[in-house]
Protein backbone atom coordinates (compact mmCIF):
# COMPACT_ATOMS: atom_id res chain seq x y z
CA UNK A 1 0.00 0.00 0.00
CA UNK A 2 1.03 3.62 -0.21
CA UNK A 3 2.37 5.60 2.73
CA UNK A 4 0.05 5.93 5.74
CA UNK A 5 -2.84 8.25 5.06
CA UNK A 6 -3.59 9.31 8.62
CA UNK A 7 -0.83 10.80 10.73
CA UNK A 8 -0.79 11.66 14.39
CA UNK A 9 0.71 15.04 15.20
CA UNK A 10 0.48 15.11 18.94
CA UNK A 11 -3.31 15.25 18.87
CA UNK A 12 -6.38 14.00 17.00
CA UNK A 13 -6.02 12.22 13.71
CA UNK A 14 -6.12 14.44 10.65
CA UNK A 15 -7.62 13.59 7.29
CA UNK A 16 -5.30 13.93 4.29
CA UNK A 17 -7.68 14.19 1.34
CA UNK A 18 -4.97 14.05 -1.31
CA UNK A 19 -3.49 10.85 0.07
CA UNK A 20 -6.95 9.37 0.52
CA UNK A 21 -7.69 9.85 -3.19
CA UNK A 22 -4.31 8.36 -4.07
CA UNK A 23 -4.99 5.28 -1.96
CA UNK A 24 -8.51 4.90 -3.35
CA UNK A 25 -7.15 5.18 -6.90
CA UNK A 26 -4.78 2.29 -6.25
CA UNK A 27 -7.54 0.12 -4.80
CA UNK A 28 -10.01 0.86 -7.59
CA UNK A 29 -7.34 0.38 -10.23
CA UNK A 30 -6.32 -2.98 -8.76
CA UNK A 31 -9.74 -4.43 -7.97
CA UNK A 32 -12.27 -2.42 -9.99
CA UNK A 33 -15.11 -0.33 -8.61
CA UNK A 34 -17.32 -3.21 -7.57
CA UNK A 35 -14.38 -5.11 -6.10
CA UNK A 36 -13.72 -2.45 -3.47
CA UNK A 37 -16.02 -2.03 -0.48
CA UNK A 38 -16.49 0.93 1.82
CA UNK A 39 -14.77 -1.15 4.48
CA UNK A 40 -11.77 -1.70 2.18
CA UNK A 41 -11.54 2.05 1.62
CA UNK A 42 -11.90 3.11 5.24
CA UNK A 43 -9.40 0.48 6.40
CA UNK A 44 -6.83 1.53 3.79
CA UNK A 45 -7.34 5.26 4.31
CA UNK A 46 -7.64 5.02 8.07
CA UNK A 47 -10.93 6.83 8.65
CA UNK A 48 -14.40 5.92 9.81
CA UNK A 49 -17.20 5.68 7.22
CA UNK A 50 -18.85 8.96 8.36
CA UNK A 51 -15.60 10.82 7.65
CA UNK A 52 -15.31 9.28 4.20
CA UNK A 53 -18.91 10.17 3.34
CA UNK A 54 -18.44 13.69 4.70
CA UNK A 55 -15.41 14.19 2.46
CA UNK A 56 -16.60 12.56 -0.77
CA UNK A 57 -20.34 12.17 -0.47
CA UNK A 58 -20.32 8.53 -1.53
CA UNK A 59 -18.14 5.73 -2.78
CA UNK A 60 -19.02 6.86 -6.32
CA UNK A 61 -17.86 10.38 -5.52
CA UNK A 62 -14.52 9.06 -4.32
CA UNK A 63 -14.26 6.88 -7.43
CA UNK A 64 -14.75 9.88 -9.71
CA UNK A 65 -12.03 11.79 -7.85
CA UNK A 66 -9.78 8.75 -8.19
CA UNK A 67 -10.43 8.74 -11.94
CA UNK A 68 -9.56 12.42 -12.11
CA UNK A 69 -6.31 11.68 -10.27
CA UNK A 70 -5.57 8.82 -12.64
CA UNK A 71 -6.02 11.20 -15.58
CA UNK A 72 -3.06 13.25 -14.32
CA UNK A 73 -0.64 10.33 -14.68
CA UNK A 74 1.52 10.08 -17.81
CA UNK A 75 -0.32 7.90 -20.31
CA UNK A 76 -0.46 6.86 -23.93
CA UNK A 77 -1.30 10.38 -25.15
CA UNK A 78 2.12 11.57 -23.98
CA UNK A 79 3.56 9.69 -26.93
CA UNK A 80 1.77 11.98 -29.38
CA UNK A 81 3.24 15.18 -28.01
CA UNK A 82 6.39 15.75 -30.03
CA UNK A 83 5.60 13.58 -33.08
CA UNK A 84 6.79 14.99 -36.38
CA UNK A 85 5.05 12.45 -38.61
CA UNK A 86 2.12 10.06 -38.56
CA UNK A 87 4.49 7.14 -38.14
CA UNK A 88 6.12 8.76 -35.12
CA UNK A 89 2.73 9.62 -33.64
CA UNK A 90 1.40 6.06 -33.82
CA UNK A 91 4.66 4.55 -32.60
CA UNK A 92 4.84 7.05 -29.75
CA UNK A 93 1.26 6.35 -28.70
CA UNK A 94 1.77 2.60 -28.60
CA UNK A 95 5.13 2.83 -26.88
CA UNK A 96 3.84 5.15 -24.19
CA UNK A 97 0.83 2.89 -23.68
CA UNK A 98 3.01 -0.15 -23.06
CA UNK A 99 5.24 1.84 -20.72
CA UNK A 100 2.23 2.90 -18.68
CA UNK A 101 0.45 -0.42 -18.36
CA UNK A 102 3.53 -2.38 -17.24
CA UNK A 103 5.16 0.31 -15.07
CA UNK A 104 6.50 -1.68 -12.08
CA UNK A 105 5.68 1.21 -9.74
CA UNK A 106 1.97 1.20 -10.65
CA UNK A 107 -0.91 -1.20 -11.06
CA UNK A 108 -1.09 -3.09 -14.33
CA UNK A 109 -3.38 -2.13 -17.16
CA UNK A 110 -5.43 1.01 -17.66
CA UNK A 111 -7.97 2.04 -15.04
CA UNK A 112 -10.15 3.73 -17.68
CA UNK A 113 -9.85 1.23 -20.55
CA UNK A 114 -11.09 -1.68 -18.46
CA UNK A 115 -13.21 0.18 -15.93
CA UNK A 116 -16.85 -0.91 -15.42
CA UNK A 117 -17.22 -2.63 -18.77
CA UNK A 118 -19.81 -4.75 -17.00
CA UNK A 119 -21.56 -3.65 -13.83
CA UNK A 120 -24.69 -3.79 -11.72
CA UNK A 121 -27.60 -1.69 -12.93
CA UNK A 122 -27.24 0.78 -10.07
CA UNK A 123 -23.75 1.66 -11.27
CA UNK A 124 -24.87 2.56 -14.77
CA UNK A 125 -24.11 6.25 -14.27
CA UNK A 126 -20.50 5.50 -13.44
CA UNK A 127 -20.26 3.14 -16.41
CA UNK A 128 -21.47 5.94 -18.69
CA UNK A 129 -18.86 8.23 -17.13
CA UNK A 130 -16.13 5.73 -17.98
CA UNK A 131 -17.46 5.37 -21.52
CA UNK A 132 -17.36 9.15 -21.92
CA UNK A 133 -13.77 9.21 -20.71
CA UNK A 134 -12.84 6.54 -23.25
CA UNK A 135 -14.52 8.56 -26.01
CA UNK A 136 -12.56 11.62 -24.89
CA UNK A 137 -9.30 9.69 -25.29
CA UNK A 138 -10.36 8.58 -28.78
CA UNK A 139 -11.25 12.16 -29.70
CA UNK A 140 -7.90 13.42 -28.41
CA UNK A 141 -6.07 10.83 -30.51
CA UNK A 142 -8.12 11.74 -33.58
CA UNK A 143 -7.36 15.42 -33.10
CA UNK A 144 -3.64 14.69 -32.89
CA UNK A 145 -3.74 12.50 -36.00
CA UNK A 146 -5.61 15.16 -37.96
CA UNK A 147 -2.26 16.88 -38.49
CA UNK A 148 -1.60 14.23 -41.16
CA UNK A 149 -5.03 12.78 -42.02
CA UNK A 150 -8.39 14.21 -43.00
CA UNK A 151 -11.01 14.02 -40.20
CA UNK A 152 -12.79 10.79 -41.25
CA UNK A 153 -9.50 8.91 -41.62
CA UNK A 154 -8.14 10.38 -38.38
CA UNK A 155 -11.27 9.28 -36.52
CA UNK A 156 -11.15 5.79 -38.03
CA UNK A 157 -7.49 5.29 -37.14
CA UNK A 158 -8.04 6.71 -33.66
CA UNK A 159 -10.87 4.23 -33.13
CA UNK A 160 -8.66 1.35 -34.20
CA UNK A 161 -5.79 2.49 -32.01
CA UNK A 162 -8.07 2.74 -29.00
CA UNK A 163 -9.18 -0.84 -29.62
CA UNK A 164 -5.51 -1.83 -29.62
CA UNK A 165 -4.84 0.13 -26.43
CA UNK A 166 -7.79 -1.53 -24.69
CA UNK A 167 -6.59 -4.95 -25.79
CA UNK A 168 -3.07 -4.25 -24.57
CA UNK A 169 -4.50 -3.21 -21.20
CA UNK A 170 -6.39 -6.49 -20.86
CA UNK A 171 -3.29 -8.46 -21.81
CA UNK A 172 -1.26 -6.56 -19.22
CA UNK A 173 -3.85 -7.33 -16.53
CA UNK A 174 -3.65 -10.99 -17.54
CA UNK A 175 0.10 -10.98 -16.90
CA UNK A 176 1.53 -10.33 -20.35
CA UNK A 177 5.20 -9.40 -20.31
CA UNK A 178 6.59 -6.14 -21.67
CA UNK A 179 8.15 -8.12 -24.51
CA UNK A 180 4.83 -9.71 -25.41
CA UNK A 181 3.02 -6.38 -25.35
CA UNK A 182 5.71 -4.66 -27.41
CA UNK A 183 5.40 -7.43 -30.00
CA UNK A 184 1.62 -6.97 -30.13
CA UNK A 185 2.05 -3.22 -30.52
CA UNK A 186 4.56 -3.84 -33.29
CA UNK A 187 2.11 -6.07 -35.14
CA UNK A 188 -0.53 -3.33 -34.94
CA UNK A 189 1.99 -0.79 -36.24
CA UNK A 190 2.95 -3.06 -39.14
CA UNK A 191 -0.70 -3.54 -40.05
CA UNK A 192 -1.31 0.20 -40.11
CA UNK A 193 1.69 0.77 -42.37
CA UNK A 194 0.66 -2.01 -44.73
CA UNK A 195 -2.92 -0.78 -44.96
CA UNK A 196 -1.90 2.79 -45.71
CA UNK A 197 0.56 1.67 -48.38
CA UNK A 198 -1.97 -0.73 -49.88
CA UNK A 199 -4.68 1.93 -49.94
CA UNK A 200 -2.40 4.30 -51.79
CA UNK A 201 -1.41 1.64 -54.34
CA UNK A 202 -5.02 0.74 -55.10
CA UNK A 203 -5.91 4.39 -55.49
CA UNK A 204 -3.06 5.16 -57.84
CA UNK A 205 -3.31 2.31 -60.30
CA UNK A 206 -0.61 0.24 -58.61
CA UNK A 207 2.13 2.82 -58.72
CA UNK A 208 3.99 3.51 -55.50
CA UNK A 209 4.55 7.02 -54.24
CA UNK A 210 7.03 6.93 -51.33
CA UNK A 211 5.50 10.07 -49.88
CA UNK A 212 2.24 8.16 -49.21
CA UNK A 213 3.82 5.84 -46.67
CA UNK A 214 4.27 7.01 -43.05
CA UNK A 215 7.57 8.78 -42.53
C-alpha atoms as a PDB file:
ATOM      1  CA  UNK A   1       0.000   0.000   0.000  1.00  0.00           C
ATOM      2  CA  UNK A   2       1.030   3.618  -0.207  1.00  0.00           C
ATOM      3  CA  UNK A   3       2.372   5.598   2.729  1.00  0.00           C
ATOM      4  CA  UNK A   4       0.046   5.927   5.740  1.00  0.00           C
ATOM      5  CA  UNK A   5      -2.844   8.253   5.059  1.00  0.00           C
ATOM      6  CA  UNK A   6      -3.589   9.314   8.625  1.00  0.00           C
ATOM      7  CA  UNK A   7      -0.831  10.796  10.728  1.00  0.00           C
ATOM      8  CA  UNK A   8      -0.788  11.660  14.387  1.00  0.00           C
ATOM      9  CA  UNK A   9       0.710  15.036  15.196  1.00  0.00           C
ATOM     10  CA  UNK A  10       0.477  15.112  18.943  1.00  0.00           C
ATOM     11  CA  UNK A  11      -3.307  15.245  18.869  1.00  0.00           C
ATOM     12  CA  UNK A  12      -6.377  14.003  17.003  1.00  0.00           C
ATOM     13  CA  UNK A  13      -6.016  12.217  13.706  1.00  0.00           C
ATOM     14  CA  UNK A  14      -6.123  14.443  10.650  1.00  0.00           C
ATOM     15  CA  UNK A  15      -7.621  13.594   7.291  1.00  0.00           C
ATOM     16  CA  UNK A  16      -5.303  13.933   4.286  1.00  0.00           C
ATOM     17  CA  UNK A  17      -7.680  14.190   1.343  1.00  0.00           C
ATOM     18  CA  UNK A  18      -4.974  14.049  -1.309  1.00  0.00           C
ATOM     19  CA  UNK A  19      -3.488  10.848   0.075  1.00  0.00           C
ATOM     20  CA  UNK A  20      -6.953   9.372   0.521  1.00  0.00           C
ATOM     21  CA  UNK A  21      -7.694   9.853  -3.185  1.00  0.00           C
ATOM     22  CA  UNK A  22      -4.308   8.356  -4.071  1.00  0.00           C
ATOM     23  CA  UNK A  23      -4.986   5.280  -1.957  1.00  0.00           C
ATOM     24  CA  UNK A  24      -8.509   4.901  -3.354  1.00  0.00           C
ATOM     25  CA  UNK A  25      -7.155   5.177  -6.899  1.00  0.00           C
ATOM     26  CA  UNK A  26      -4.778   2.290  -6.248  1.00  0.00           C
ATOM     27  CA  UNK A  27      -7.541   0.117  -4.795  1.00  0.00           C
ATOM     28  CA  UNK A  28     -10.011   0.855  -7.588  1.00  0.00           C
ATOM     29  CA  UNK A  29      -7.339   0.377 -10.231  1.00  0.00           C
ATOM     30  CA  UNK A  30      -6.319  -2.982  -8.761  1.00  0.00           C
ATOM     31  CA  UNK A  31      -9.739  -4.427  -7.966  1.00  0.00           C
ATOM     32  CA  UNK A  32     -12.273  -2.419  -9.990  1.00  0.00           C
ATOM     33  CA  UNK A  33     -15.108  -0.329  -8.612  1.00  0.00           C
ATOM     34  CA  UNK A  34     -17.316  -3.212  -7.570  1.00  0.00           C
ATOM     35  CA  UNK A  35     -14.380  -5.114  -6.104  1.00  0.00           C
ATOM     36  CA  UNK A  36     -13.723  -2.447  -3.473  1.00  0.00           C
ATOM     37  CA  UNK A  37     -16.019  -2.026  -0.483  1.00  0.00           C
ATOM     38  CA  UNK A  38     -16.485   0.933   1.821  1.00  0.00           C
ATOM     39  CA  UNK A  39     -14.770  -1.147   4.480  1.00  0.00           C
ATOM     40  CA  UNK A  40     -11.772  -1.695   2.175  1.00  0.00           C
ATOM     41  CA  UNK A  41     -11.540   2.046   1.616  1.00  0.00           C
ATOM     42  CA  UNK A  42     -11.904   3.113   5.243  1.00  0.00           C
ATOM     43  CA  UNK A  43      -9.403   0.478   6.398  1.00  0.00           C
ATOM     44  CA  UNK A  44      -6.826   1.534   3.790  1.00  0.00           C
ATOM     45  CA  UNK A  45      -7.337   5.262   4.306  1.00  0.00           C
ATOM     46  CA  UNK A  46      -7.639   5.015   8.073  1.00  0.00           C
ATOM     47  CA  UNK A  47     -10.926   6.827   8.646  1.00  0.00           C
ATOM     48  CA  UNK A  48     -14.404   5.915   9.809  1.00  0.00           C
ATOM     49  CA  UNK A  49     -17.201   5.676   7.217  1.00  0.00           C
ATOM     50  CA  UNK A  50     -18.850   8.956   8.359  1.00  0.00           C
ATOM     51  CA  UNK A  51     -15.600  10.820   7.650  1.00  0.00           C
ATOM     52  CA  UNK A  52     -15.315   9.284   4.200  1.00  0.00           C
ATOM     53  CA  UNK A  53     -18.913  10.169   3.343  1.00  0.00           C
ATOM     54  CA  UNK A  54     -18.440  13.692   4.697  1.00  0.00           C
ATOM     55  CA  UNK A  55     -15.409  14.194   2.464  1.00  0.00           C
ATOM     56  CA  UNK A  56     -16.597  12.557  -0.768  1.00  0.00           C
ATOM     57  CA  UNK A  57     -20.343  12.170  -0.469  1.00  0.00           C
ATOM     58  CA  UNK A  58     -20.318   8.528  -1.525  1.00  0.00           C
ATOM     59  CA  UNK A  59     -18.137   5.727  -2.782  1.00  0.00           C
ATOM     60  CA  UNK A  60     -19.025   6.865  -6.317  1.00  0.00           C
ATOM     61  CA  UNK A  61     -17.860  10.377  -5.519  1.00  0.00           C
ATOM     62  CA  UNK A  62     -14.518   9.064  -4.323  1.00  0.00           C
ATOM     63  CA  UNK A  63     -14.256   6.883  -7.427  1.00  0.00           C
ATOM     64  CA  UNK A  64     -14.748   9.881  -9.706  1.00  0.00           C
ATOM     65  CA  UNK A  65     -12.033  11.795  -7.854  1.00  0.00           C
ATOM     66  CA  UNK A  66      -9.775   8.753  -8.186  1.00  0.00           C
ATOM     67  CA  UNK A  67     -10.432   8.737 -11.939  1.00  0.00           C
ATOM     68  CA  UNK A  68      -9.560  12.422 -12.110  1.00  0.00           C
ATOM     69  CA  UNK A  69      -6.314  11.683 -10.272  1.00  0.00           C
ATOM     70  CA  UNK A  70      -5.575   8.816 -12.642  1.00  0.00           C
ATOM     71  CA  UNK A  71      -6.016  11.200 -15.581  1.00  0.00           C
ATOM     72  CA  UNK A  72      -3.055  13.250 -14.323  1.00  0.00           C
ATOM     73  CA  UNK A  73      -0.644  10.327 -14.675  1.00  0.00           C
ATOM     74  CA  UNK A  74       1.522  10.077 -17.808  1.00  0.00           C
ATOM     75  CA  UNK A  75      -0.319   7.897 -20.315  1.00  0.00           C
ATOM     76  CA  UNK A  76      -0.459   6.857 -23.935  1.00  0.00           C
ATOM     77  CA  UNK A  77      -1.303  10.377 -25.146  1.00  0.00           C
ATOM     78  CA  UNK A  78       2.119  11.565 -23.976  1.00  0.00           C
ATOM     79  CA  UNK A  79       3.563   9.690 -26.928  1.00  0.00           C
ATOM     80  CA  UNK A  80       1.766  11.979 -29.377  1.00  0.00           C
ATOM     81  CA  UNK A  81       3.240  15.178 -28.013  1.00  0.00           C
ATOM     82  CA  UNK A  82       6.387  15.751 -30.035  1.00  0.00           C
ATOM     83  CA  UNK A  83       5.598  13.580 -33.075  1.00  0.00           C
ATOM     84  CA  UNK A  84       6.789  14.992 -36.383  1.00  0.00           C
ATOM     85  CA  UNK A  85       5.046  12.451 -38.615  1.00  0.00           C
ATOM     86  CA  UNK A  86       2.121  10.059 -38.557  1.00  0.00           C
ATOM     87  CA  UNK A  87       4.487   7.141 -38.140  1.00  0.00           C
ATOM     88  CA  UNK A  88       6.118   8.757 -35.117  1.00  0.00           C
ATOM     89  CA  UNK A  89       2.729   9.615 -33.637  1.00  0.00           C
ATOM     90  CA  UNK A  90       1.405   6.058 -33.823  1.00  0.00           C
ATOM     91  CA  UNK A  91       4.661   4.547 -32.597  1.00  0.00           C
ATOM     92  CA  UNK A  92       4.845   7.048 -29.754  1.00  0.00           C
ATOM     93  CA  UNK A  93       1.264   6.354 -28.699  1.00  0.00           C
ATOM     94  CA  UNK A  94       1.766   2.603 -28.604  1.00  0.00           C
ATOM     95  CA  UNK A  95       5.135   2.827 -26.880  1.00  0.00           C
ATOM     96  CA  UNK A  96       3.841   5.148 -24.186  1.00  0.00           C
ATOM     97  CA  UNK A  97       0.827   2.886 -23.676  1.00  0.00           C
ATOM     98  CA  UNK A  98       3.008  -0.150 -23.065  1.00  0.00           C
ATOM     99  CA  UNK A  99       5.242   1.841 -20.717  1.00  0.00           C
ATOM    100  CA  UNK A 100       2.227   2.901 -18.682  1.00  0.00           C
ATOM    101  CA  UNK A 101       0.452  -0.423 -18.361  1.00  0.00           C
ATOM    102  CA  UNK A 102       3.533  -2.378 -17.237  1.00  0.00           C
ATOM    103  CA  UNK A 103       5.160   0.312 -15.071  1.00  0.00           C
ATOM    104  CA  UNK A 104       6.496  -1.680 -12.082  1.00  0.00           C
ATOM    105  CA  UNK A 105       5.682   1.206  -9.741  1.00  0.00           C
ATOM    106  CA  UNK A 106       1.974   1.202 -10.650  1.00  0.00           C
ATOM    107  CA  UNK A 107      -0.911  -1.200 -11.060  1.00  0.00           C
ATOM    108  CA  UNK A 108      -1.088  -3.094 -14.327  1.00  0.00           C
ATOM    109  CA  UNK A 109      -3.379  -2.131 -17.156  1.00  0.00           C
ATOM    110  CA  UNK A 110      -5.425   1.013 -17.665  1.00  0.00           C
ATOM    111  CA  UNK A 111      -7.973   2.045 -15.042  1.00  0.00           C
ATOM    112  CA  UNK A 112     -10.153   3.730 -17.680  1.00  0.00           C
ATOM    113  CA  UNK A 113      -9.847   1.232 -20.550  1.00  0.00           C
ATOM    114  CA  UNK A 114     -11.085  -1.683 -18.460  1.00  0.00           C
ATOM    115  CA  UNK A 115     -13.214   0.178 -15.934  1.00  0.00           C
ATOM    116  CA  UNK A 116     -16.852  -0.910 -15.418  1.00  0.00           C
ATOM    117  CA  UNK A 117     -17.223  -2.628 -18.770  1.00  0.00           C
ATOM    118  CA  UNK A 118     -19.811  -4.748 -16.995  1.00  0.00           C
ATOM    119  CA  UNK A 119     -21.562  -3.652 -13.828  1.00  0.00           C
ATOM    120  CA  UNK A 120     -24.687  -3.788 -11.720  1.00  0.00           C
ATOM    121  CA  UNK A 121     -27.601  -1.687 -12.927  1.00  0.00           C
ATOM    122  CA  UNK A 122     -27.240   0.779 -10.070  1.00  0.00           C
ATOM    123  CA  UNK A 123     -23.746   1.657 -11.274  1.00  0.00           C
ATOM    124  CA  UNK A 124     -24.871   2.561 -14.774  1.00  0.00           C
ATOM    125  CA  UNK A 125     -24.110   6.246 -14.265  1.00  0.00           C
ATOM    126  CA  UNK A 126     -20.495   5.496 -13.441  1.00  0.00           C
ATOM    127  CA  UNK A 127     -20.257   3.137 -16.411  1.00  0.00           C
ATOM    128  CA  UNK A 128     -21.466   5.939 -18.692  1.00  0.00           C
ATOM    129  CA  UNK A 129     -18.859   8.229 -17.128  1.00  0.00           C
ATOM    130  CA  UNK A 130     -16.126   5.726 -17.984  1.00  0.00           C
ATOM    131  CA  UNK A 131     -17.456   5.365 -21.524  1.00  0.00           C
ATOM    132  CA  UNK A 132     -17.358   9.148 -21.919  1.00  0.00           C
ATOM    133  CA  UNK A 133     -13.766   9.214 -20.707  1.00  0.00           C
ATOM    134  CA  UNK A 134     -12.844   6.541 -23.245  1.00  0.00           C
ATOM    135  CA  UNK A 135     -14.516   8.557 -26.005  1.00  0.00           C
ATOM    136  CA  UNK A 136     -12.564  11.617 -24.887  1.00  0.00           C
ATOM    137  CA  UNK A 137      -9.302   9.693 -25.292  1.00  0.00           C
ATOM    138  CA  UNK A 138     -10.356   8.583 -28.784  1.00  0.00           C
ATOM    139  CA  UNK A 139     -11.253  12.155 -29.703  1.00  0.00           C
ATOM    140  CA  UNK A 140      -7.902  13.416 -28.415  1.00  0.00           C
ATOM    141  CA  UNK A 141      -6.066  10.831 -30.508  1.00  0.00           C
ATOM    142  CA  UNK A 142      -8.116  11.741 -33.583  1.00  0.00           C
ATOM    143  CA  UNK A 143      -7.364  15.422 -33.102  1.00  0.00           C
ATOM    144  CA  UNK A 144      -3.642  14.693 -32.892  1.00  0.00           C
ATOM    145  CA  UNK A 145      -3.737  12.496 -36.003  1.00  0.00           C
ATOM    146  CA  UNK A 146      -5.611  15.161 -37.957  1.00  0.00           C
ATOM    147  CA  UNK A 147      -2.262  16.884 -38.485  1.00  0.00           C
ATOM    148  CA  UNK A 148      -1.604  14.230 -41.161  1.00  0.00           C
ATOM    149  CA  UNK A 149      -5.026  12.778 -42.017  1.00  0.00           C
ATOM    150  CA  UNK A 150      -8.390  14.205 -43.000  1.00  0.00           C
ATOM    151  CA  UNK A 151     -11.012  14.021 -40.200  1.00  0.00           C
ATOM    152  CA  UNK A 152     -12.786  10.791 -41.255  1.00  0.00           C
ATOM    153  CA  UNK A 153      -9.503   8.915 -41.619  1.00  0.00           C
ATOM    154  CA  UNK A 154      -8.139  10.378 -38.376  1.00  0.00           C
ATOM    155  CA  UNK A 155     -11.274   9.277 -36.523  1.00  0.00           C
ATOM    156  CA  UNK A 156     -11.149   5.790 -38.027  1.00  0.00           C
ATOM    157  CA  UNK A 157      -7.486   5.292 -37.145  1.00  0.00           C
ATOM    158  CA  UNK A 158      -8.044   6.708 -33.661  1.00  0.00           C
ATOM    159  CA  UNK A 159     -10.866   4.232 -33.128  1.00  0.00           C
ATOM    160  CA  UNK A 160      -8.659   1.350 -34.200  1.00  0.00           C
ATOM    161  CA  UNK A 161      -5.788   2.487 -32.013  1.00  0.00           C
ATOM    162  CA  UNK A 162      -8.072   2.740 -28.995  1.00  0.00           C
ATOM    163  CA  UNK A 163      -9.185  -0.842 -29.618  1.00  0.00           C
ATOM    164  CA  UNK A 164      -5.508  -1.834 -29.621  1.00  0.00           C
ATOM    165  CA  UNK A 165      -4.844   0.126 -26.426  1.00  0.00           C
ATOM    166  CA  UNK A 166      -7.789  -1.535 -24.691  1.00  0.00           C
ATOM    167  CA  UNK A 167      -6.592  -4.955 -25.788  1.00  0.00           C
ATOM    168  CA  UNK A 168      -3.071  -4.254 -24.566  1.00  0.00           C
ATOM    169  CA  UNK A 169      -4.501  -3.207 -21.204  1.00  0.00           C
ATOM    170  CA  UNK A 170      -6.394  -6.487 -20.860  1.00  0.00           C
ATOM    171  CA  UNK A 171      -3.289  -8.464 -21.807  1.00  0.00           C
ATOM    172  CA  UNK A 172      -1.259  -6.564 -19.220  1.00  0.00           C
ATOM    173  CA  UNK A 173      -3.853  -7.332 -16.534  1.00  0.00           C
ATOM    174  CA  UNK A 174      -3.645 -10.991 -17.542  1.00  0.00           C
ATOM    175  CA  UNK A 175       0.103 -10.980 -16.897  1.00  0.00           C
ATOM    176  CA  UNK A 176       1.526 -10.327 -20.348  1.00  0.00           C
ATOM    177  CA  UNK A 177       5.199  -9.396 -20.314  1.00  0.00           C
ATOM    178  CA  UNK A 178       6.585  -6.139 -21.673  1.00  0.00           C
ATOM    179  CA  UNK A 179       8.154  -8.120 -24.508  1.00  0.00           C
ATOM    180  CA  UNK A 180       4.826  -9.712 -25.411  1.00  0.00           C
ATOM    181  CA  UNK A 181       3.022  -6.377 -25.347  1.00  0.00           C
ATOM    182  CA  UNK A 182       5.705  -4.661 -27.412  1.00  0.00           C
ATOM    183  CA  UNK A 183       5.404  -7.430 -29.999  1.00  0.00           C
ATOM    184  CA  UNK A 184       1.615  -6.968 -30.131  1.00  0.00           C
ATOM    185  CA  UNK A 185       2.046  -3.221 -30.522  1.00  0.00           C
ATOM    186  CA  UNK A 186       4.561  -3.844 -33.287  1.00  0.00           C
ATOM    187  CA  UNK A 187       2.108  -6.071 -35.139  1.00  0.00           C
ATOM    188  CA  UNK A 188      -0.526  -3.328 -34.936  1.00  0.00           C
ATOM    189  CA  UNK A 189       1.986  -0.789 -36.244  1.00  0.00           C
ATOM    190  CA  UNK A 190       2.952  -3.065 -39.138  1.00  0.00           C
ATOM    191  CA  UNK A 191      -0.697  -3.541 -40.053  1.00  0.00           C
ATOM    192  CA  UNK A 192      -1.315   0.199 -40.111  1.00  0.00           C
ATOM    193  CA  UNK A 193       1.691   0.768 -42.366  1.00  0.00           C
ATOM    194  CA  UNK A 194       0.663  -2.013 -44.729  1.00  0.00           C
ATOM    195  CA  UNK A 195      -2.920  -0.782 -44.963  1.00  0.00           C
ATOM    196  CA  UNK A 196      -1.903   2.786 -45.709  1.00  0.00           C
ATOM    197  CA  UNK A 197       0.559   1.675 -48.379  1.00  0.00           C
ATOM    198  CA  UNK A 198      -1.967  -0.731 -49.882  1.00  0.00           C
ATOM    199  CA  UNK A 199      -4.675   1.933 -49.941  1.00  0.00           C
ATOM    200  CA  UNK A 200      -2.401   4.298 -51.790  1.00  0.00           C
ATOM    201  CA  UNK A 201      -1.414   1.642 -54.341  1.00  0.00           C
ATOM    202  CA  UNK A 202      -5.024   0.739 -55.101  1.00  0.00           C
ATOM    203  CA  UNK A 203      -5.912   4.392 -55.492  1.00  0.00           C
ATOM    204  CA  UNK A 204      -3.062   5.159 -57.843  1.00  0.00           C
ATOM    205  CA  UNK A 205      -3.306   2.305 -60.296  1.00  0.00           C
ATOM    206  CA  UNK A 206      -0.614   0.240 -58.606  1.00  0.00           C
ATOM    207  CA  UNK A 207       2.130   2.823 -58.716  1.00  0.00           C
ATOM    208  CA  UNK A 208       3.993   3.513 -55.503  1.00  0.00           C
ATOM    209  CA  UNK A 209       4.545   7.018 -54.242  1.00  0.00           C
ATOM    210  CA  UNK A 210       7.029   6.931 -51.330  1.00  0.00           C
ATOM    211  CA  UNK A 211       5.498  10.070 -49.878  1.00  0.00           C
ATOM    212  CA  UNK A 212       2.244   8.164 -49.206  1.00  0.00           C
ATOM    213  CA  UNK A 213       3.819   5.840 -46.665  1.00  0.00           C
ATOM    214  CA  UNK A 214       4.273   7.012 -43.047  1.00  0.00           C
ATOM    215  CA  UNK A 215       7.574   8.784 -42.529  1.00  0.00           C
END
